[in-house]
N, C-alpha and C. Protein backbone atom coordinates (compact mmCIF):
# COMPACT_ATOMS: atom_id res chain seq x y z
N MET A 1 41.39 -70.16 -25.99
CA MET A 1 42.75 -69.65 -25.98
C MET A 1 43.66 -70.76 -26.51
N ASN A 2 44.50 -70.40 -27.41
CA ASN A 2 45.41 -71.37 -27.97
C ASN A 2 46.83 -71.02 -27.53
N ALA A 3 47.19 -71.50 -26.35
CA ALA A 3 48.50 -71.17 -25.77
C ALA A 3 49.63 -71.77 -26.60
N VAL A 4 49.41 -72.93 -27.18
CA VAL A 4 50.45 -73.55 -28.00
C VAL A 4 50.73 -72.68 -29.21
N ARG A 5 49.67 -72.16 -29.84
CA ARG A 5 49.86 -71.29 -30.99
C ARG A 5 50.62 -70.02 -30.60
N LEU A 6 50.30 -69.48 -29.44
CA LEU A 6 50.99 -68.29 -28.96
C LEU A 6 52.47 -68.57 -28.78
N LEU A 7 52.82 -69.67 -28.14
CA LEU A 7 54.22 -70.01 -27.94
C LEU A 7 54.92 -70.29 -29.27
N THR A 8 54.22 -70.96 -30.18
CA THR A 8 54.79 -71.24 -31.49
C THR A 8 55.09 -69.95 -32.24
N ASN A 9 54.16 -69.00 -32.17
CA ASN A 9 54.37 -67.71 -32.83
C ASN A 9 55.56 -66.98 -32.23
N LEU A 10 55.70 -67.01 -30.92
CA LEU A 10 56.82 -66.33 -30.28
C LEU A 10 58.16 -66.94 -30.72
N VAL A 11 58.22 -68.25 -30.75
CA VAL A 11 59.45 -68.92 -31.17
C VAL A 11 59.75 -68.59 -32.63
N HIS A 12 58.71 -68.65 -33.48
CA HIS A 12 58.89 -68.36 -34.90
C HIS A 12 59.41 -66.95 -35.10
N MET A 13 58.84 -65.98 -34.41
CA MET A 13 59.26 -64.60 -34.57
C MET A 13 60.70 -64.40 -34.11
N SER A 14 61.10 -65.12 -33.09
CA SER A 14 62.47 -64.94 -32.60
C SER A 14 63.50 -65.59 -33.51
N LEU A 15 63.06 -66.49 -34.38
CA LEU A 15 64.00 -67.18 -35.26
C LEU A 15 64.02 -66.62 -36.68
N LEU A 16 63.23 -65.57 -36.93
CA LEU A 16 63.23 -64.99 -38.26
C LEU A 16 64.62 -64.47 -38.61
N PRO A 17 65.00 -64.60 -39.86
CA PRO A 17 66.32 -64.08 -40.25
C PRO A 17 66.38 -62.57 -40.09
N HIS A 18 67.58 -62.08 -39.82
CA HIS A 18 67.80 -60.64 -39.66
C HIS A 18 68.22 -60.05 -41.00
N ARG A 19 67.72 -58.89 -41.29
CA ARG A 19 68.11 -58.19 -42.52
C ARG A 19 69.26 -57.25 -42.20
N TYR A 20 70.26 -57.28 -43.00
CA TYR A 20 71.40 -56.40 -42.81
C TYR A 20 71.16 -55.08 -43.53
N GLN A 21 71.62 -54.01 -42.95
CA GLN A 21 71.41 -52.68 -43.49
C GLN A 21 72.30 -52.39 -44.70
N SER A 22 73.41 -53.06 -44.83
CA SER A 22 74.38 -52.68 -45.83
C SER A 22 74.82 -53.89 -46.64
N SER A 23 74.97 -53.67 -47.92
CA SER A 23 75.48 -54.74 -48.77
C SER A 23 76.95 -55.03 -48.47
N LEU A 24 77.59 -54.17 -47.68
CA LEU A 24 78.98 -54.42 -47.29
C LEU A 24 79.09 -55.61 -46.35
N ASP A 25 78.01 -55.91 -45.63
CA ASP A 25 78.02 -57.03 -44.67
C ASP A 25 77.87 -58.38 -45.35
N LEU A 26 77.25 -58.40 -46.52
CA LEU A 26 76.93 -59.66 -47.20
C LEU A 26 77.40 -59.62 -48.64
N GLY A 27 77.54 -60.80 -49.22
CA GLY A 27 77.81 -60.87 -50.65
C GLY A 27 76.64 -60.29 -51.43
N ALA A 28 76.88 -59.84 -52.63
CA ALA A 28 75.84 -59.18 -53.43
C ALA A 28 74.62 -60.08 -53.65
N ASP A 29 74.83 -61.34 -53.97
CA ASP A 29 73.71 -62.25 -54.21
C ASP A 29 72.91 -62.49 -52.93
N THR A 30 73.63 -62.67 -51.83
CA THR A 30 72.96 -62.89 -50.54
C THR A 30 72.15 -61.67 -50.15
N TYR A 31 72.74 -60.51 -50.28
CA TYR A 31 72.03 -59.27 -49.94
C TYR A 31 70.79 -59.09 -50.80
N ALA A 32 70.91 -59.36 -52.08
CA ALA A 32 69.78 -59.22 -52.99
C ALA A 32 68.63 -60.14 -52.58
N MET A 33 68.95 -61.32 -52.08
CA MET A 33 67.91 -62.27 -51.68
C MET A 33 67.26 -61.88 -50.35
N LEU A 34 68.03 -61.23 -49.46
CA LEU A 34 67.53 -60.93 -48.12
C LEU A 34 67.00 -59.52 -47.93
N ARG A 35 67.30 -58.61 -48.83
CA ARG A 35 66.96 -57.20 -48.59
C ARG A 35 65.48 -56.93 -48.51
N HIS A 36 64.65 -57.84 -48.99
CA HIS A 36 63.21 -57.64 -48.96
C HIS A 36 62.58 -58.08 -47.63
N LEU A 37 63.37 -58.73 -46.78
CA LEU A 37 62.87 -59.13 -45.47
C LEU A 37 62.77 -57.91 -44.58
N PRO A 38 61.80 -57.91 -43.67
CA PRO A 38 61.70 -56.77 -42.75
C PRO A 38 62.88 -56.77 -41.78
N LEU A 39 63.22 -55.59 -41.30
CA LEU A 39 64.28 -55.47 -40.31
C LEU A 39 63.85 -56.17 -39.03
N SER A 40 64.81 -56.77 -38.34
CA SER A 40 64.48 -57.49 -37.11
C SER A 40 63.83 -56.57 -36.08
N ARG A 41 64.26 -55.32 -36.00
CA ARG A 41 63.66 -54.40 -35.03
C ARG A 41 62.18 -54.16 -35.33
N ASP A 42 61.81 -54.14 -36.63
CA ASP A 42 60.41 -53.94 -37.00
C ASP A 42 59.58 -55.19 -36.68
N VAL A 43 60.18 -56.36 -36.90
CA VAL A 43 59.49 -57.62 -36.60
C VAL A 43 59.26 -57.72 -35.09
N VAL A 44 60.27 -57.38 -34.31
CA VAL A 44 60.16 -57.45 -32.85
C VAL A 44 59.11 -56.47 -32.34
N LEU A 45 59.11 -55.26 -32.85
CA LEU A 45 58.13 -54.27 -32.42
C LEU A 45 56.72 -54.72 -32.74
N SER A 46 56.51 -55.20 -33.93
CA SER A 46 55.19 -55.66 -34.34
C SER A 46 54.75 -56.87 -33.50
N ALA A 47 55.66 -57.80 -33.29
CA ALA A 47 55.34 -58.99 -32.49
C ALA A 47 55.01 -58.60 -31.06
N ARG A 48 55.76 -57.65 -30.51
CA ARG A 48 55.50 -57.21 -29.13
C ARG A 48 54.13 -56.56 -29.02
N GLN A 49 53.77 -55.70 -29.98
CA GLN A 49 52.47 -55.04 -29.96
C GLN A 49 51.35 -56.07 -30.06
N GLU A 50 51.51 -57.04 -30.93
CA GLU A 50 50.49 -58.07 -31.08
C GLU A 50 50.39 -58.92 -29.81
N LEU A 51 51.52 -59.26 -29.23
CA LEU A 51 51.53 -60.06 -28.00
C LEU A 51 50.81 -59.34 -26.86
N VAL A 52 51.08 -58.06 -26.70
CA VAL A 52 50.42 -57.28 -25.64
C VAL A 52 48.91 -57.30 -25.82
N MET A 53 48.45 -57.07 -27.04
CA MET A 53 47.01 -57.08 -27.30
C MET A 53 46.39 -58.45 -27.04
N ARG A 54 47.09 -59.50 -27.46
CA ARG A 54 46.56 -60.85 -27.27
C ARG A 54 46.52 -61.22 -25.78
N LEU A 55 47.60 -60.91 -25.05
CA LEU A 55 47.63 -61.24 -23.63
C LEU A 55 46.52 -60.51 -22.87
N ASP A 56 46.35 -59.22 -23.15
CA ASP A 56 45.26 -58.48 -22.51
C ASP A 56 43.91 -59.08 -22.85
N GLY A 57 43.74 -59.48 -24.10
CA GLY A 57 42.49 -60.10 -24.53
C GLY A 57 42.23 -61.42 -23.80
N TYR A 58 43.28 -62.22 -23.62
CA TYR A 58 43.13 -63.49 -22.91
C TYR A 58 42.71 -63.25 -21.46
N VAL A 59 43.33 -62.29 -20.81
CA VAL A 59 42.99 -61.99 -19.41
C VAL A 59 41.55 -61.49 -19.32
N GLU A 60 41.15 -60.65 -20.24
CA GLU A 60 39.78 -60.12 -20.23
C GLU A 60 38.75 -61.20 -20.49
N SER A 61 39.07 -62.16 -21.37
CA SER A 61 38.08 -63.18 -21.72
C SER A 61 37.98 -64.30 -20.69
N ASP A 62 39.10 -64.69 -20.07
CA ASP A 62 39.05 -65.79 -19.10
C ASP A 62 40.30 -65.75 -18.23
N GLN A 63 40.24 -64.94 -17.20
CA GLN A 63 41.40 -64.73 -16.34
C GLN A 63 41.84 -66.01 -15.64
N ARG A 64 40.90 -66.83 -15.20
CA ARG A 64 41.24 -68.08 -14.52
C ARG A 64 42.02 -69.01 -15.45
N LEU A 65 41.55 -69.17 -16.67
CA LEU A 65 42.23 -70.04 -17.62
C LEU A 65 43.61 -69.49 -17.97
N PHE A 66 43.71 -68.18 -18.13
CA PHE A 66 45.00 -67.57 -18.44
C PHE A 66 45.99 -67.82 -17.31
N GLN A 67 45.53 -67.75 -16.07
CA GLN A 67 46.39 -68.02 -14.92
C GLN A 67 46.90 -69.46 -14.97
N GLU A 68 46.04 -70.41 -15.34
CA GLU A 68 46.46 -71.81 -15.44
C GLU A 68 47.52 -71.97 -16.53
N VAL A 69 47.29 -71.33 -17.67
CA VAL A 69 48.25 -71.40 -18.77
C VAL A 69 49.58 -70.79 -18.35
N ARG A 70 49.55 -69.69 -17.62
CA ARG A 70 50.77 -69.05 -17.14
C ARG A 70 51.57 -69.98 -16.25
N VAL A 71 50.89 -70.65 -15.34
CA VAL A 71 51.56 -71.57 -14.42
C VAL A 71 52.18 -72.74 -15.18
N ILE A 72 51.43 -73.31 -16.11
CA ILE A 72 51.94 -74.44 -16.90
C ILE A 72 53.11 -74.00 -17.76
N THR A 73 52.99 -72.84 -18.38
CA THR A 73 54.07 -72.33 -19.23
C THR A 73 55.34 -72.13 -18.41
N ARG A 74 55.19 -71.58 -17.24
CA ARG A 74 56.37 -71.33 -16.40
C ARG A 74 57.04 -72.64 -15.99
N SER A 75 56.25 -73.63 -15.62
CA SER A 75 56.84 -74.87 -15.13
C SER A 75 57.27 -75.82 -16.25
N ALA A 76 56.56 -75.81 -17.37
CA ALA A 76 56.84 -76.80 -18.42
C ALA A 76 57.68 -76.26 -19.56
N VAL A 77 57.76 -74.95 -19.71
CA VAL A 77 58.46 -74.39 -20.86
C VAL A 77 59.62 -73.50 -20.43
N LEU A 78 59.35 -72.54 -19.60
CA LEU A 78 60.35 -71.53 -19.27
C LEU A 78 61.48 -72.03 -18.40
N PHE A 79 61.31 -73.19 -17.76
CA PHE A 79 62.40 -73.73 -16.95
C PHE A 79 63.63 -74.00 -17.82
N VAL A 80 63.44 -74.19 -19.11
CA VAL A 80 64.54 -74.44 -20.02
C VAL A 80 65.48 -73.24 -20.07
N PHE A 81 64.94 -72.05 -19.87
CA PHE A 81 65.73 -70.83 -19.96
C PHE A 81 66.29 -70.38 -18.63
N THR A 82 66.02 -71.13 -17.57
CA THR A 82 66.49 -70.78 -16.23
C THR A 82 67.90 -71.33 -16.04
N PRO A 83 68.85 -70.47 -15.68
CA PRO A 83 70.21 -70.96 -15.44
C PRO A 83 70.25 -71.87 -14.21
N TYR A 84 71.13 -72.84 -14.25
CA TYR A 84 71.25 -73.79 -13.14
C TYR A 84 72.06 -73.21 -12.02
């Protein structure tokens, strides 16, 4: 299990640029450069589906190890997002 890769992928997916639906929101050149990017809602949906499959796979392959990773992730990573 590569927990670091999983976390890296999650961060990367959350930082992907958002595609705007209308050229009215952006200058013509900017819109032309960005219009080929997937919509953020499609990226999020795909990432969520992949995450669910991977998490289930990790639990099925080694539940004890996954539990350890969960505990470490909560204490070493997610505390950053906890309000004081």
